[in-house]
């Protein structure tokens, strides 16, 4: 079995698609466009003593991680649950 190489060694790299509106998928399935930006969240430092502040930040991280996992699943990088 042989594999197909996408890159040709060009110094600027290799593009799979040109625009964020073009669709792509890995490992079969339905192709999707580029996912929306996941915004940054406020960081939590050791100095934060209010439990509610920490919980809010953790919940924000969990939400954003779930968005990222969903986006990766949509393009087939990992299997969905």
C-alpha atoms as a PDB file:
ATOM      1  CA  UNK A   1       0.000   0.000   0.000  1.00  0.00           C
ATOM      2  CA  UNK A   2       1.330   3.445  -0.888  1.00  0.00           C
ATOM      3  CA  UNK A   3       0.442   6.802   0.652  1.00  0.00           C
ATOM      4  CA  UNK A   4      -0.189  10.077  -1.117  1.00  0.00           C
ATOM      5  CA  UNK A   5       2.038  12.964  -0.061  1.00  0.00           C
ATOM      6  CA  UNK A   6       0.355  16.382  -0.104  1.00  0.00           C
ATOM      7  CA  UNK A   7       3.452  18.522   0.348  1.00  0.00           C
ATOM      8  CA  UNK A   8       6.079  19.050  -2.312  1.00  0.00           C
ATOM      9  CA  UNK A   9       8.768  20.610  -0.133  1.00  0.00           C
ATOM     10  CA  UNK A  10       7.844  24.204  -0.930  1.00  0.00           C
ATOM     11  CA  UNK A  11       9.431  26.698   1.543  1.00  0.00           C
ATOM     12  CA  UNK A  12       6.068  28.398   2.197  1.00  0.00           C
ATOM     13  CA  UNK A  13       4.406  25.141   3.251  1.00  0.00           C
ATOM     14  CA  UNK A  14       1.375  23.201   2.050  1.00  0.00           C
ATOM     15  CA  UNK A  15      -2.248  24.337   2.137  1.00  0.00           C
ATOM     16  CA  UNK A  16      -5.135  21.917   2.135  1.00  0.00           C
ATOM     17  CA  UNK A  17      -7.792  24.581   1.557  1.00  0.00           C
ATOM     18  CA  UNK A  18      -7.453  28.296   0.770  1.00  0.00           C
ATOM     19  CA  UNK A  19     -10.393  29.955   2.542  1.00  0.00           C
ATOM     20  CA  UNK A  20     -11.995  29.490   5.967  1.00  0.00           C
ATOM     21  CA  UNK A  21     -15.315  28.918   4.185  1.00  0.00           C
ATOM     22  CA  UNK A  22     -13.996  25.879   2.327  1.00  0.00           C
ATOM     23  CA  UNK A  23     -14.871  22.570   3.939  1.00  0.00           C
ATOM     24  CA  UNK A  24     -12.594  19.751   5.081  1.00  0.00           C
ATOM     25  CA  UNK A  25     -12.872  16.451   6.903  1.00  0.00           C
ATOM     26  CA  UNK A  26     -10.474  13.750   7.963  1.00  0.00           C
ATOM     27  CA  UNK A  27     -11.297  10.040   8.097  1.00  0.00           C
ATOM     28  CA  UNK A  28     -14.499  10.286   6.046  1.00  0.00           C
ATOM     29  CA  UNK A  29     -17.779  11.796   7.157  1.00  0.00           C
ATOM     30  CA  UNK A  30     -19.287  15.186   6.400  1.00  0.00           C
ATOM     31  CA  UNK A  31     -16.953  18.079   5.588  1.00  0.00           C
ATOM     32  CA  UNK A  32     -17.277  21.284   7.635  1.00  0.00           C
ATOM     33  CA  UNK A  33     -16.006  24.877   7.379  1.00  0.00           C
ATOM     34  CA  UNK A  34     -13.534  26.353   9.864  1.00  0.00           C
ATOM     35  CA  UNK A  35     -15.040  26.583  13.343  1.00  0.00           C
ATOM     36  CA  UNK A  36     -15.618  29.939  15.029  1.00  0.00           C
ATOM     37  CA  UNK A  37     -13.017  31.461  17.308  1.00  0.00           C
ATOM     38  CA  UNK A  38     -13.016  30.310  20.921  1.00  0.00           C
ATOM     39  CA  UNK A  39     -12.544  33.466  22.973  1.00  0.00           C
ATOM     40  CA  UNK A  40     -10.009  33.717  25.788  1.00  0.00           C
ATOM     41  CA  UNK A  41     -11.160  33.468  29.371  1.00  0.00           C
ATOM     42  CA  UNK A  42      -9.980  35.265  32.489  1.00  0.00           C
ATOM     43  CA  UNK A  43      -7.073  33.507  34.138  1.00  0.00           C
ATOM     44  CA  UNK A  44      -7.190  32.288  37.724  1.00  0.00           C
ATOM     45  CA  UNK A  45      -4.171  32.879  39.919  1.00  0.00           C
ATOM     46  CA  UNK A  46      -3.162  31.373  43.248  1.00  0.00           C
ATOM     47  CA  UNK A  47      -4.024  34.714  44.851  1.00  0.00           C
ATOM     48  CA  UNK A  48      -7.717  34.236  43.993  1.00  0.00           C
ATOM     49  CA  UNK A  49      -9.313  33.194  47.247  1.00  0.00           C
ATOM     50  CA  UNK A  50     -12.981  33.522  46.348  1.00  0.00           C
ATOM     51  CA  UNK A  51     -14.287  30.057  45.535  1.00  0.00           C
ATOM     52  CA  UNK A  52     -16.939  31.482  43.232  1.00  0.00           C
ATOM     53  CA  UNK A  53     -14.277  33.199  41.113  1.00  0.00           C
ATOM     54  CA  UNK A  54     -12.353  29.944  40.795  1.00  0.00           C
ATOM     55  CA  UNK A  55     -15.492  27.948  39.965  1.00  0.00           C
ATOM     56  CA  UNK A  56     -16.515  30.475  37.318  1.00  0.00           C
ATOM     57  CA  UNK A  57     -13.083  30.251  35.678  1.00  0.00           C
ATOM     58  CA  UNK A  58     -13.096  26.447  35.793  1.00  0.00           C
ATOM     59  CA  UNK A  59     -16.575  26.341  34.256  1.00  0.00           C
ATOM     60  CA  UNK A  60     -15.382  28.690  31.494  1.00  0.00           C
ATOM     61  CA  UNK A  61     -12.394  26.418  30.801  1.00  0.00           C
ATOM     62  CA  UNK A  62     -14.627  23.330  30.663  1.00  0.00           C
ATOM     63  CA  UNK A  63     -17.005  25.062  28.255  1.00  0.00           C
ATOM     64  CA  UNK A  64     -14.177  26.119  25.946  1.00  0.00           C
ATOM     65  CA  UNK A  65     -12.553  22.680  26.087  1.00  0.00           C
ATOM     66  CA  UNK A  66     -15.863  21.092  25.115  1.00  0.00           C
ATOM     67  CA  UNK A  67     -16.153  23.496  22.163  1.00  0.00           C
ATOM     68  CA  UNK A  68     -12.634  22.560  21.068  1.00  0.00           C
ATOM     69  CA  UNK A  69     -13.340  18.835  21.363  1.00  0.00           C
ATOM     70  CA  UNK A  70     -16.531  19.253  19.352  1.00  0.00           C
ATOM     71  CA  UNK A  71     -14.668  21.183  16.637  1.00  0.00           C
ATOM     72  CA  UNK A  72     -11.956  18.496  16.448  1.00  0.00           C
ATOM     73  CA  UNK A  73     -14.635  15.833  16.257  1.00  0.00           C
ATOM     74  CA  UNK A  74     -16.420  17.699  13.453  1.00  0.00           C
ATOM     75  CA  UNK A  75     -13.371  17.535  11.195  1.00  0.00           C
ATOM     76  CA  UNK A  76     -12.610  13.959  12.213  1.00  0.00           C
ATOM     77  CA  UNK A  77      -9.430  14.509  14.192  1.00  0.00           C
ATOM     78  CA  UNK A  78     -10.885  12.341  16.942  1.00  0.00           C
ATOM     79  CA  UNK A  79     -13.991  10.203  17.211  1.00  0.00           C
ATOM     80  CA  UNK A  80     -17.080  11.728  18.767  1.00  0.00           C
ATOM     81  CA  UNK A  81     -18.702  10.101  21.765  1.00  0.00           C
END
